[in-house]
Amino acid sequence: MAALNSLSMTWSDLEVAVMHRLRDWTMASDELNRHLSTWMGLPASDAEALGQIVWAVQSGEPVAPAQLARQIGMTSGAVSVLIDRLERAGHVTRRRDDADRRRVTLHPTATALEGMERFLGFAGAEVAAATRETTAEELRIIRVFLDRMTDAAAAANARLRETPAPHPPRAPQR
């Protein structure tokens, strides 16, 4: 799939608008995470990790440290240090999985959940309303599109991890 060059292909107005809205959502979501980090008194990376941990538990599938590392784009060593910080701050506990005692999962503490609920009560109403106002059919279509975009980005990232970066182009010297 690397043969397509997105800079030389012609994009429809709708495709451009969708890509711009994806960028805008990413930027707005990143800003919300920065506000969450301020509310929780955490570094932005810790707040992002805590958000992932809370969502995982809320969905009934607690996250393991290695999964968390992949989700937030950190090495396992860096995530281990981050989890230690969250644990010392009283936001996260590690638990052995009941089905597989070798597996450790991460769980938010009551303190962390209270802080997240306070933040989302103040800042999450608009996002929740936008989601609730979207029909099930629209959500299914969006899900398919986002699955495709996520898979495409993951494939490109895998290819980039496996291939050394070329030397950057240099402007001609005068």
C-alpha atoms as a PDB file:
ATOM      1  CA  MET A   1       0.000   0.000   0.000  1.00  0.00           C
ATOM      2  CA  ALA A   2       3.031   2.307   0.226  1.00  0.00           C
ATOM      3  CA  ALA A   3       2.652   3.137  -3.493  1.00  0.00           C
ATOM      4  CA  LEU A   4      -0.031   5.793  -2.854  1.00  0.00           C
ATOM      5  CA  ASN A   5       1.433   9.252  -2.343  1.00  0.00           C
ATOM      6  CA  SER A   6      -1.021  11.353  -0.376  1.00  0.00           C
ATOM      7  CA  LEU A   7       0.757  14.568  -1.377  1.00  0.00           C
ATOM      8  CA  SER A   8       0.368  14.007  -5.112  1.00  0.00           C
ATOM      9  CA  MET A   9      -3.088  12.401  -5.188  1.00  0.00           C
ATOM     10  CA  THR A  10      -6.243  14.448  -5.606  1.00  0.00           C
ATOM     11  CA  TRP A  11      -8.391  14.553  -2.486  1.00  0.00           C
ATOM     12  CA  SER A  12     -12.115  15.330  -2.594  1.00  0.00           C
ATOM     13  CA  ASP A  13     -13.375  18.249  -0.526  1.00  0.00           C
ATOM     14  CA  LEU A  14     -15.119  15.764   1.770  1.00  0.00           C
ATOM     15  CA  GLU A  15     -11.937  13.702   2.267  1.00  0.00           C
ATOM     16  CA  VAL A  16      -9.996  16.867   3.126  1.00  0.00           C
ATOM     17  CA  ALA A  17     -12.724  17.996   5.517  1.00  0.00           C
ATOM     18  CA  VAL A  18     -12.737  14.594   7.255  1.00  0.00           C
ATOM     19  CA  MET A  19      -8.944  14.619   7.638  1.00  0.00           C
ATOM     20  CA  HIS A  20      -9.102  18.149   9.056  1.00  0.00           C
ATOM     21  CA  ARG A  21     -11.802  17.112  11.538  1.00  0.00           C
ATOM     22  CA  LEU A  22      -9.719  14.102  12.614  1.00  0.00           C
ATOM     23  CA  ARG A  23      -6.817  16.472  13.235  1.00  0.00           C
ATOM     24  CA  ASP A  24      -9.109  18.875  15.106  1.00  0.00           C
ATOM     25  CA  TRP A  25     -10.491  16.048  17.281  1.00  0.00           C
ATOM     26  CA  THR A  26      -6.961  14.873  18.079  1.00  0.00           C
ATOM     27  CA  MET A  27      -5.917  18.386  19.092  1.00  0.00           C
ATOM     28  CA  ALA A  28      -9.072  18.961  21.173  1.00  0.00           C
ATOM     29  CA  SER A  29      -8.707  15.574  22.853  1.00  0.00           C
ATOM     30  CA  ASP A  30      -5.041  16.276  23.623  1.00  0.00           C
ATOM     31  CA  GLU A  31      -6.040  19.598  25.185  1.00  0.00           C
ATOM     32  CA  LEU A  32      -8.690  17.869  27.315  1.00  0.00           C
ATOM     33  CA  ASN A  33      -5.986  15.471  28.500  1.00  0.00           C
ATOM     34  CA  ARG A  34      -3.758  18.418  29.452  1.00  0.00           C
ATOM     35  CA  HIS A  35      -6.644  19.878  31.476  1.00  0.00           C
ATOM     36  CA  LEU A  36      -7.209  16.482  33.111  1.00  0.00           C
ATOM     37  CA  SER A  37      -3.544  16.378  34.082  1.00  0.00           C
ATOM     38  CA  THR A  38      -3.901  19.801  35.725  1.00  0.00           C
ATOM     39  CA  TRP A  39      -7.083  18.781  37.574  1.00  0.00           C
ATOM     40  CA  MET A  40      -5.469  15.567  38.796  1.00  0.00           C
ATOM     41  CA  GLY A  41      -2.077  17.163  39.556  1.00  0.00           C
ATOM     42  CA  LEU A  42      -0.324  14.704  37.242  1.00  0.00           C
ATOM     43  CA  PRO A  43       2.089  14.930  34.323  1.00  0.00           C
ATOM     44  CA  ALA A  44       0.216  14.709  30.993  1.00  0.00           C
ATOM     45  CA  SER A  45       1.574  11.215  30.271  1.00  0.00           C
ATOM     46  CA  ASP A  46       0.350   9.979  33.662  1.00  0.00           C
ATOM     47  CA  ALA A  47      -3.102  11.499  33.103  1.00  0.00           C
ATOM     48  CA  GLU A  48      -3.293   9.852  29.679  1.00  0.00           C
ATOM     49  CA  ALA A  49      -2.344   6.501  31.201  1.00  0.00           C
ATOM     50  CA  LEU A  50      -4.843   6.915  34.029  1.00  0.00           C
ATOM     51  CA  GLY A  51      -7.566   7.683  31.487  1.00  0.00           C
ATOM     52  CA  GLN A  52      -6.728   4.486  29.588  1.00  0.00           C
ATOM     53  CA  ILE A  53      -6.766   2.480  32.824  1.00  0.00           C
ATOM     54  CA  VAL A  54     -10.158   3.899  33.847  1.00  0.00           C
ATOM     55  CA  TRP A  55     -11.715   3.284  30.402  1.00  0.00           C
ATOM     56  CA  ALA A  56     -10.374  -0.280  30.355  1.00  0.00           C
ATOM     57  CA  VAL A  57     -11.893  -1.101  33.746  1.00  0.00           C
ATOM     58  CA  GLN A  58     -15.161   0.643  32.828  1.00  0.00           C
ATOM     59  CA  SER A  59     -15.392  -1.528  29.698  1.00  0.00           C
ATOM     60  CA  GLY A  60     -14.837  -4.667  31.780  1.00  0.00           C
ATOM     61  CA  GLU A  61     -11.375  -5.424  30.384  1.00  0.00           C
ATOM     62  CA  PRO A  62      -8.660  -4.155  32.742  1.00  0.00           C
ATOM     63  CA  VAL A  63      -5.418  -3.323  30.975  1.00  0.00           C
ATOM     64  CA  ALA A  64      -2.063  -4.980  31.642  1.00  0.00           C
ATOM     65  CA  PRO A  65       1.134  -2.885  31.773  1.00  0.00           C
ATOM     66  CA  ALA A  66       2.343  -4.132  28.355  1.00  0.00           C
ATOM     67  CA  GLN A  67      -1.008  -3.247  26.757  1.00  0.00           C
ATOM     68  CA  LEU A  68      -0.889   0.185  28.355  1.00  0.00           C
ATOM     69  CA  ALA A  69       2.606   0.743  26.957  1.00  0.00           C
ATOM     70  CA  ARG A  70       1.327   0.026  23.428  1.00  0.00           C
ATOM     71  CA  GLN A  71      -1.758   2.202  23.890  1.00  0.00           C
ATOM     72  CA  ILE A  72       0.162   5.285  24.969  1.00  0.00           C
ATOM     73  CA  GLY A  73       3.274   4.733  22.869  1.00  0.00           C
ATOM     74  CA  MET A  74       5.834   4.210  25.615  1.00  0.00           C
ATOM     75  CA  THR A  75       8.403   1.518  26.274  1.00  0.00           C
ATOM     76  CA  SER A  76       7.630  -1.106  28.894  1.00  0.00           C
ATOM     77  CA  GLY A  77      10.347   0.350  31.128  1.00  0.00           C
ATOM     78  CA  ALA A  78       8.942   3.876  30.907  1.00  0.00           C
ATOM     79  CA  VAL A  79       5.425   2.609  31.606  1.00  0.00           C
ATOM     80  CA  SER A  80       6.682   0.677  34.620  1.00  0.00           C
ATOM     81  CA  VAL A  81       8.095   3.917  36.064  1.00  0.00           C
ATOM     82  CA  LEU A  82       4.843   5.737  35.202  1.00  0.00           C
ATOM     83  CA  ILE A  83       2.732   3.044  36.914  1.00  0.00           C
ATOM     84  CA  ASP A  84       4.988   3.243  39.979  1.00  0.00           C
ATOM     85  CA  ARG A  85       4.318   7.010  40.119  1.00  0.00           C
ATOM     86  CA  LEU A  86       0.549   6.507  39.789  1.00  0.00           C
ATOM     87  CA  GLU A  87       0.662   3.827  42.473  1.00  0.00           C
ATOM     88  CA  ARG A  88       2.656   6.035  44.888  1.00  0.00           C
ATOM     89  CA  ALA A  89       0.221   8.908  44.239  1.00  0.00           C
ATOM     90  CA  GLY A  90      -2.668   6.638  45.234  1.00  0.00           C
ATOM     91  CA  HIS A  91      -4.307   6.530  41.790  1.00  0.00           C
ATOM     92  CA  VAL A  92      -3.651   2.941  40.641  1.00  0.00           C
ATOM     93  CA  THR A  93      -3.321  -0.550  42.061  1.00  0.00           C
ATOM     94  CA  ARG A  94      -1.890  -3.658  40.413  1.00  0.00           C
ATOM     95  CA  ARG A  95      -3.884  -6.872  40.726  1.00  0.00           C
ATOM     96  CA  ARG A  96      -3.225 -10.454  39.764  1.00  0.00           C
ATOM     97  CA  ASP A  97      -5.747 -11.743  37.228  1.00  0.00           C
ATOM     98  CA  ASP A  98      -8.099 -14.303  38.811  1.00  0.00           C
ATOM     99  CA  ALA A  99      -7.976 -16.574  35.739  1.00  0.00           C
ATOM    100  CA  ASP A 100      -4.221 -16.282  35.116  1.00  0.00           C
ATOM    101  CA  ARG A 101      -2.212 -15.441  38.230  1.00  0.00           C
ATOM    102  CA  ARG A 102       0.817 -14.576  36.074  1.00  0.00           C
ATOM    103  CA  ARG A 103      -1.087 -11.676  34.503  1.00  0.00           C
ATOM    104  CA  VAL A 104      -1.165  -8.333  36.318  1.00  0.00           C
ATOM    105  CA  THR A 105      -3.868  -5.780  35.527  1.00  0.00           C
ATOM    106  CA  LEU A 106      -4.152  -2.129  36.490  1.00  0.00           C
ATOM    107  CA  HIS A 107      -7.107  -0.661  38.375  1.00  0.00           C
ATOM    108  CA  PRO A 108      -7.945   2.909  39.374  1.00  0.00           C
ATOM    109  CA  THR A 109      -8.407   3.632  43.059  1.00  0.00           C
ATOM    110  CA  ALA A 110     -11.513   5.258  44.499  1.00  0.00           C
ATOM    111  CA  THR A 111      -9.519   8.500  44.743  1.00  0.00           C
ATOM    112  CA  ALA A 112      -8.658   8.376  41.046  1.00  0.00           C
ATOM    113  CA  LEU A 113     -12.258   7.592  40.088  1.00  0.00           C
ATOM    114  CA  GLU A 114     -13.525  10.497  42.195  1.00  0.00           C
ATOM    115  CA  GLY A 115     -11.088  12.867  40.490  1.00  0.00           C
ATOM    116  CA  MET A 116     -12.019  11.577  37.031  1.00  0.00           C
ATOM    117  CA  GLU A 117     -15.746  11.843  37.809  1.00  0.00           C
ATOM    118  CA  ARG A 118     -15.287  15.398  39.057  1.00  0.00           C
ATOM    119  CA  PHE A 119     -13.370  16.311  35.877  1.00  0.00           C
ATOM    120  CA  LEU A 120     -15.800  14.582  33.509  1.00  0.00           C
ATOM    121  CA  GLY A 121     -18.771  16.085  35.347  1.00  0.00           C
ATOM    122  CA  PHE A 122     -17.347  19.500  34.572  1.00  0.00           C
ATOM    123  CA  ALA A 123     -15.745  18.894  31.172  1.00  0.00           C
ATOM    124  CA  GLY A 124     -17.314  15.770  29.679  1.00  0.00           C
ATOM    125  CA  ALA A 125     -20.925  16.813  29.117  1.00  0.00           C
ATOM    126  CA  GLU A 126     -20.423  18.013  25.548  1.00  0.00           C
ATOM    127  CA  VAL A 127     -18.577  14.895  24.406  1.00  0.00           C
ATOM    128  CA  ALA A 128     -21.147  12.642  26.090  1.00  0.00           C
ATOM    129  CA  ALA A 129     -24.007  14.604  24.501  1.00  0.00           C
ATOM    130  CA  ALA A 130     -22.412  14.448  21.045  1.00  0.00           C
ATOM    131  CA  THR A 131     -22.047  10.683  21.400  1.00  0.00           C
ATOM    132  CA  ARG A 132     -25.609  10.212  22.667  1.00  0.00           C
ATOM    133  CA  GLU A 133     -27.025  12.416  19.873  1.00  0.00           C
ATOM    134  CA  THR A 134     -25.389  10.202  17.243  1.00  0.00           C
ATOM    135  CA  THR A 135     -27.603   7.400  15.961  1.00  0.00           C
ATOM    136  CA  ALA A 136     -26.574   3.771  16.275  1.00  0.00           C
ATOM    137  CA  GLU A 137     -26.231   3.566  12.483  1.00  0.00           C
ATOM    138  CA  GLU A 138     -23.974   6.658  12.409  1.00  0.00           C
ATOM    139  CA  LEU A 139     -21.870   5.202  15.213  1.00  0.00           C
ATOM    140  CA  ARG A 140     -21.500   1.910  13.297  1.00  0.00           C
ATOM    141  CA  ILE A 141     -20.331   3.795  10.184  1.00  0.00           C
ATOM    142  CA  ILE A 142     -17.928   5.914  12.228  1.00  0.00           C
ATOM    143  CA  ARG A 143     -16.606   2.782  13.933  1.00  0.00           C
ATOM    144  CA  VAL A 144     -15.885   1.109  10.577  1.00  0.00           C
ATOM    145  CA  PHE A 145     -14.104   4.236   9.314  1.00  0.00           C
ATOM    146  CA  LEU A 146     -12.062   4.647  12.502  1.00  0.00           C
ATOM    147  CA  ASP A 147     -11.154   0.942  12.424  1.00  0.00           C
ATOM    148  CA  ARG A 148      -9.844   1.419   8.870  1.00  0.00           C
ATOM    149  CA  MET A 149      -7.912   4.557   9.821  1.00  0.00           C
ATOM    150  CA  THR A 150      -6.443   2.905  12.927  1.00  0.00           C
ATOM    151  CA  ASP A 151      -5.427  -0.193  10.958  1.00  0.00           C
ATOM    152  CA  ALA A 152      -3.895   1.971   8.213  1.00  0.00           C
ATOM    153  CA  ALA A 153      -1.898   4.045  10.701  1.00  0.00           C
ATOM    154  CA  ALA A 154      -0.800   0.887  12.556  1.00  0.00           C
ATOM    155  CA  ALA A 155       0.400  -0.682   9.286  1.00  0.00           C
ATOM    156  CA  ALA A 156       2.329   2.469   8.364  1.00  0.00           C
ATOM    157  CA  ASN A 157       3.853   2.628  11.857  1.00  0.00           C
ATOM    158  CA  ALA A 158       4.894  -1.038  11.682  1.00  0.00           C
ATOM    159  CA  ARG A 159       6.553  -0.421   8.307  1.00  0.00           C
ATOM    160  CA  LEU A 160       8.327   2.666   9.694  1.00  0.00           C
ATOM    161  CA  ARG A 161       9.592   0.717  12.736  1.00  0.00           C
ATOM    162  CA  GLU A 162      11.059  -1.947  10.442  1.00  0.00           C
ATOM    163  CA  THR A 163      12.668   0.408   7.919  1.00  0.00           C
ATOM    164  CA  PRO A 164      15.454   2.833   8.820  1.00  0.00           C
ATOM    165  CA  ALA A 165      14.612   6.448   8.104  1.00  0.00           C
ATOM    166  CA  PRO A 166      16.391   7.919   5.083  1.00  0.00           C
ATOM    167  CA  HIS A 167      18.567  10.955   5.530  1.00  0.00           C
ATOM    168  CA  PRO A 168      16.383  14.062   5.504  1.00  0.00           C
ATOM    169  CA  PRO A 169      16.527  16.161   2.342  1.00  0.00           C
ATOM    170  CA  ARG A 170      18.807  19.171   2.599  1.00  0.00           C
ATOM    171  CA  ALA A 171      18.281  22.537   1.023  1.00  0.00           C
ATOM    172  CA  PRO A 172      20.941  23.462  -1.528  1.00  0.00           C
ATOM    173  CA  GLN A 173      23.810  25.455  -0.037  1.00  0.00           C
ATOM    174  CA  ARG A 174      24.493  28.862  -1.536  1.00  0.00           C
END
